[in-house]
Amino acid sequence: MKTKWGSWKRETGHVWFNVELAKKPPACLEYIVVHEMAHYLERHHDDRFTKLMDRSIPNWRSIRDQLNNSPLAEEQWT
């Protein structure tokens, strides 16, 4: 996965996570897991989805912003 942190495919029930999450703080991984599981109950990022996220991780917006402002992949060549 080069453009997303996670994905959930409704048709198969498969959840995929970007391996780069392993390099992020644990709260970021938790946010992505909860985000994708919330899509199980609500497909779109609507009010219901937001309420699910608010109940599960009250500071999810801060964590989302942290992920969105960081590079998808960390590349350092020595």
N, C-alpha and C. Protein backbone atom coordinates (compact mmCIF):
# COMPACT_ATOMS: atom_id res chain seq x y z
N MET A 1 0.85 -1.17 0.00
CA MET A 1 0.00 0.00 0.00
C MET A 1 0.90 1.23 0.00
N LYS A 2 0.73 2.04 -0.99
CA LYS A 2 1.58 3.22 -1.09
C LYS A 2 0.84 4.51 -0.82
N THR A 3 -0.49 4.48 -0.76
CA THR A 3 -1.23 5.73 -0.63
C THR A 3 -2.19 5.75 0.55
N LYS A 4 -2.32 4.67 1.29
CA LYS A 4 -3.27 4.61 2.39
C LYS A 4 -2.64 3.96 3.60
N TRP A 5 -3.21 4.27 4.77
CA TRP A 5 -2.77 3.62 6.00
C TRP A 5 -3.50 2.31 6.21
N GLY A 6 -4.74 2.23 5.74
CA GLY A 6 -5.52 1.02 5.91
C GLY A 6 -6.69 1.00 4.96
N SER A 7 -7.28 -0.17 4.81
CA SER A 7 -8.40 -0.32 3.90
C SER A 7 -9.25 -1.50 4.35
N TRP A 8 -10.55 -1.38 4.15
CA TRP A 8 -11.46 -2.47 4.48
C TRP A 8 -12.30 -2.74 3.24
N LYS A 9 -12.31 -3.98 2.79
CA LYS A 9 -13.09 -4.35 1.61
C LYS A 9 -14.38 -5.01 2.08
N ARG A 10 -15.46 -4.30 1.91
CA ARG A 10 -16.77 -4.74 2.39
C ARG A 10 -17.17 -6.10 1.81
N GLU A 11 -16.89 -6.32 0.55
CA GLU A 11 -17.33 -7.55 -0.12
C GLU A 11 -16.71 -8.81 0.49
N THR A 12 -15.46 -8.72 0.90
CA THR A 12 -14.77 -9.90 1.42
C THR A 12 -14.56 -9.85 2.94
N GLY A 13 -14.70 -8.67 3.52
CA GLY A 13 -14.45 -8.52 4.94
C GLY A 13 -12.97 -8.42 5.29
N HIS A 14 -12.13 -8.31 4.27
CA HIS A 14 -10.69 -8.22 4.52
C HIS A 14 -10.29 -6.80 4.94
N VAL A 15 -9.43 -6.72 5.92
CA VAL A 15 -8.86 -5.46 6.35
C VAL A 15 -7.37 -5.51 6.06
N TRP A 16 -6.87 -4.45 5.44
CA TRP A 16 -5.46 -4.36 5.08
C TRP A 16 -4.85 -3.17 5.81
N PHE A 17 -3.61 -3.35 6.28
CA PHE A 17 -2.90 -2.28 6.96
C PHE A 17 -1.55 -2.06 6.29
N ASN A 18 -1.20 -0.82 6.14
CA ASN A 18 0.10 -0.47 5.59
C ASN A 18 1.18 -0.85 6.60
N VAL A 19 2.19 -1.59 6.18
CA VAL A 19 3.23 -2.04 7.09
C VAL A 19 4.03 -0.87 7.67
N GLU A 20 3.98 0.29 7.05
CA GLU A 20 4.67 1.47 7.57
C GLU A 20 4.09 1.91 8.91
N LEU A 21 2.88 1.45 9.25
CA LEU A 21 2.29 1.77 10.55
C LEU A 21 3.15 1.23 11.69
N ALA A 22 3.92 0.19 11.43
CA ALA A 22 4.79 -0.37 12.45
C ALA A 22 5.85 0.63 12.91
N LYS A 23 6.11 1.64 12.10
CA LYS A 23 7.10 2.66 12.44
C LYS A 23 6.49 3.87 13.13
N LYS A 24 5.19 3.84 13.32
CA LYS A 24 4.48 4.96 13.92
C LYS A 24 4.16 4.65 15.39
N PRO A 25 3.80 5.67 16.17
CA PRO A 25 3.41 5.42 17.56
C PRO A 25 2.21 4.47 17.64
N PRO A 26 2.12 3.67 18.70
CA PRO A 26 1.02 2.71 18.85
C PRO A 26 -0.37 3.34 18.72
N ALA A 27 -0.52 4.57 19.15
CA ALA A 27 -1.82 5.25 19.05
C ALA A 27 -2.25 5.39 17.59
N CYS A 28 -1.30 5.53 16.69
CA CYS A 28 -1.63 5.65 15.26
C CYS A 28 -2.19 4.34 14.72
N LEU A 29 -1.57 3.24 15.11
CA LEU A 29 -2.07 1.93 14.69
C LEU A 29 -3.47 1.70 15.26
N GLU A 30 -3.65 2.03 16.54
CA GLU A 30 -4.98 1.88 17.16
C GLU A 30 -6.02 2.70 16.40
N TYR A 31 -5.68 3.92 16.05
CA TYR A 31 -6.61 4.78 15.30
C TYR A 31 -7.01 4.14 13.98
N ILE A 32 -6.05 3.61 13.24
CA ILE A 32 -6.36 3.01 11.94
C ILE A 32 -7.21 1.76 12.11
N VAL A 33 -6.91 0.93 13.10
CA VAL A 33 -7.71 -0.27 13.34
C VAL A 33 -9.15 0.13 13.67
N VAL A 34 -9.33 1.08 14.58
CA VAL A 34 -10.68 1.51 14.96
C VAL A 34 -11.38 2.15 13.76
N HIS A 35 -10.66 2.96 13.00
CA HIS A 35 -11.22 3.61 11.81
C HIS A 35 -11.78 2.56 10.83
N GLU A 36 -10.99 1.55 10.54
CA GLU A 36 -11.44 0.53 9.59
C GLU A 36 -12.58 -0.30 10.16
N MET A 37 -12.56 -0.58 11.45
CA MET A 37 -13.65 -1.33 12.07
C MET A 37 -14.94 -0.50 12.11
N ALA A 38 -14.80 0.81 12.26
CA ALA A 38 -15.99 1.68 12.22
C ALA A 38 -16.66 1.60 10.84
N HIS A 39 -15.85 1.38 9.82
CA HIS A 39 -16.43 1.22 8.47
C HIS A 39 -17.27 -0.05 8.35
N TYR A 40 -17.05 -0.99 9.24
CA TYR A 40 -17.90 -2.18 9.25
C TYR A 40 -19.35 -1.79 9.57
N LEU A 41 -19.50 -0.79 10.45
CA LEU A 41 -20.83 -0.33 10.85
C LEU A 41 -21.34 0.82 10.01
N GLU A 42 -20.44 1.62 9.49
CA GLU A 42 -20.82 2.78 8.69
C GLU A 42 -19.84 2.94 7.54
N ARG A 43 -20.35 2.84 6.34
CA ARG A 43 -19.49 2.83 5.15
C ARG A 43 -18.83 4.19 4.88
N HIS A 44 -19.56 5.26 5.10
CA HIS A 44 -19.08 6.60 4.73
C HIS A 44 -18.60 7.38 5.95
N HIS A 45 -17.87 8.44 5.70
CA HIS A 45 -17.39 9.30 6.78
C HIS A 45 -18.46 10.34 7.11
N ASP A 46 -19.60 9.87 7.54
CA ASP A 46 -20.71 10.76 7.85
C ASP A 46 -20.82 10.97 9.36
N ASP A 47 -21.93 11.57 9.80
CA ASP A 47 -22.12 11.87 11.23
C ASP A 47 -22.09 10.60 12.09
N ARG A 48 -22.69 9.54 11.60
CA ARG A 48 -22.69 8.29 12.38
C ARG A 48 -21.27 7.76 12.56
N PHE A 49 -20.49 7.81 11.49
CA PHE A 49 -19.10 7.38 11.55
C PHE A 49 -18.33 8.23 12.56
N THR A 50 -18.51 9.54 12.50
CA THR A 50 -17.83 10.46 13.41
C THR A 50 -18.20 10.15 14.86
N LYS A 51 -19.45 9.87 15.12
CA LYS A 51 -19.87 9.54 16.48
C LYS A 51 -19.25 8.24 16.96
N LEU A 52 -19.14 7.26 16.08
CA LEU A 52 -18.48 6.00 16.43
C LEU A 52 -17.02 6.26 16.80
N MET A 53 -16.35 7.07 16.02
CA MET A 53 -14.95 7.39 16.29
C MET A 53 -14.82 8.18 17.60
N ASP A 54 -15.71 9.14 17.82
CA ASP A 54 -15.68 9.95 19.04
C ASP A 54 -15.83 9.08 20.29
N ARG A 55 -16.71 8.10 20.21
CA ARG A 55 -16.92 7.21 21.36
C ARG A 55 -15.73 6.30 21.60
N SER A 56 -15.09 5.86 20.52
CA SER A 56 -13.99 4.90 20.63
C SER A 56 -12.66 5.54 20.99
N ILE A 57 -12.34 6.64 20.31
CA ILE A 57 -11.06 7.34 20.53
C ILE A 57 -11.36 8.85 20.51
N PRO A 58 -11.62 9.43 21.68
CA PRO A 58 -11.99 10.85 21.72
C PRO A 58 -11.01 11.80 21.03
N ASN A 59 -9.71 11.48 21.02
CA ASN A 59 -8.72 12.37 20.39
C ASN A 59 -8.31 11.90 19.00
N TRP A 60 -9.20 11.19 18.31
CA TRP A 60 -8.85 10.61 17.02
C TRP A 60 -8.47 11.65 15.98
N ARG A 61 -9.04 12.84 16.04
CA ARG A 61 -8.72 13.87 15.05
C ARG A 61 -7.24 14.28 15.15
N SER A 62 -6.76 14.37 16.37
CA SER A 62 -5.36 14.72 16.59
C SER A 62 -4.44 13.63 16.02
N ILE A 63 -4.79 12.39 16.26
CA ILE A 63 -3.99 11.27 15.75
C ILE A 63 -4.04 11.23 14.23
N ARG A 64 -5.23 11.45 13.67
CA ARG A 64 -5.38 11.49 12.21
C ARG A 64 -4.50 12.57 11.61
N ASP A 65 -4.51 13.75 12.23
CA ASP A 65 -3.69 14.85 11.72
C ASP A 65 -2.21 14.51 11.80
N GLN A 66 -1.81 13.85 12.87
CA GLN A 66 -0.41 13.43 13.01
C GLN A 66 -0.02 12.50 11.86
N LEU A 67 -0.88 11.55 11.54
CA LEU A 67 -0.59 10.63 10.43
C LEU A 67 -0.60 11.35 9.09
N ASN A 68 -1.59 12.22 8.88
CA ASN A 68 -1.70 12.93 7.60
C ASN A 68 -0.54 13.89 7.36
N ASN A 69 0.08 14.36 8.44
CA ASN A 69 1.19 15.29 8.30
C ASN A 69 2.55 14.60 8.29
N SER A 70 2.55 13.29 8.41
CA SER A 70 3.82 12.56 8.38
C SER A 70 3.93 11.82 7.05
N PRO A 71 5.15 11.51 6.64
CA PRO A 71 5.31 10.78 5.38
C PRO A 71 4.74 9.38 5.48
N LEU A 72 4.23 8.89 4.38
CA LEU A 72 3.67 7.55 4.34
C LEU A 72 4.76 6.52 4.60
N ALA A 73 5.93 6.76 4.06
CA ALA A 73 7.06 5.84 4.25
C ALA A 73 8.27 6.63 4.69
N GLU A 74 9.03 6.08 5.58
CA GLU A 74 10.27 6.69 6.03
C GLU A 74 11.41 6.05 5.24
N GLU A 75 12.11 6.85 4.47
CA GLU A 75 13.21 6.31 3.69
C GLU A 75 14.49 7.03 4.07
N GLN A 76 15.41 6.27 4.60
CA GLN A 76 16.74 6.81 4.89
C GLN A 76 17.77 5.81 4.38
N TRP A 77 18.61 6.28 3.50
CA TRP A 77 19.66 5.43 2.96
C TRP A 77 20.97 5.83 3.61
N THR A 78 21.69 4.89 4.09
CA THR A 78 22.98 5.20 4.71
C THR A 78 24.13 4.80 3.84
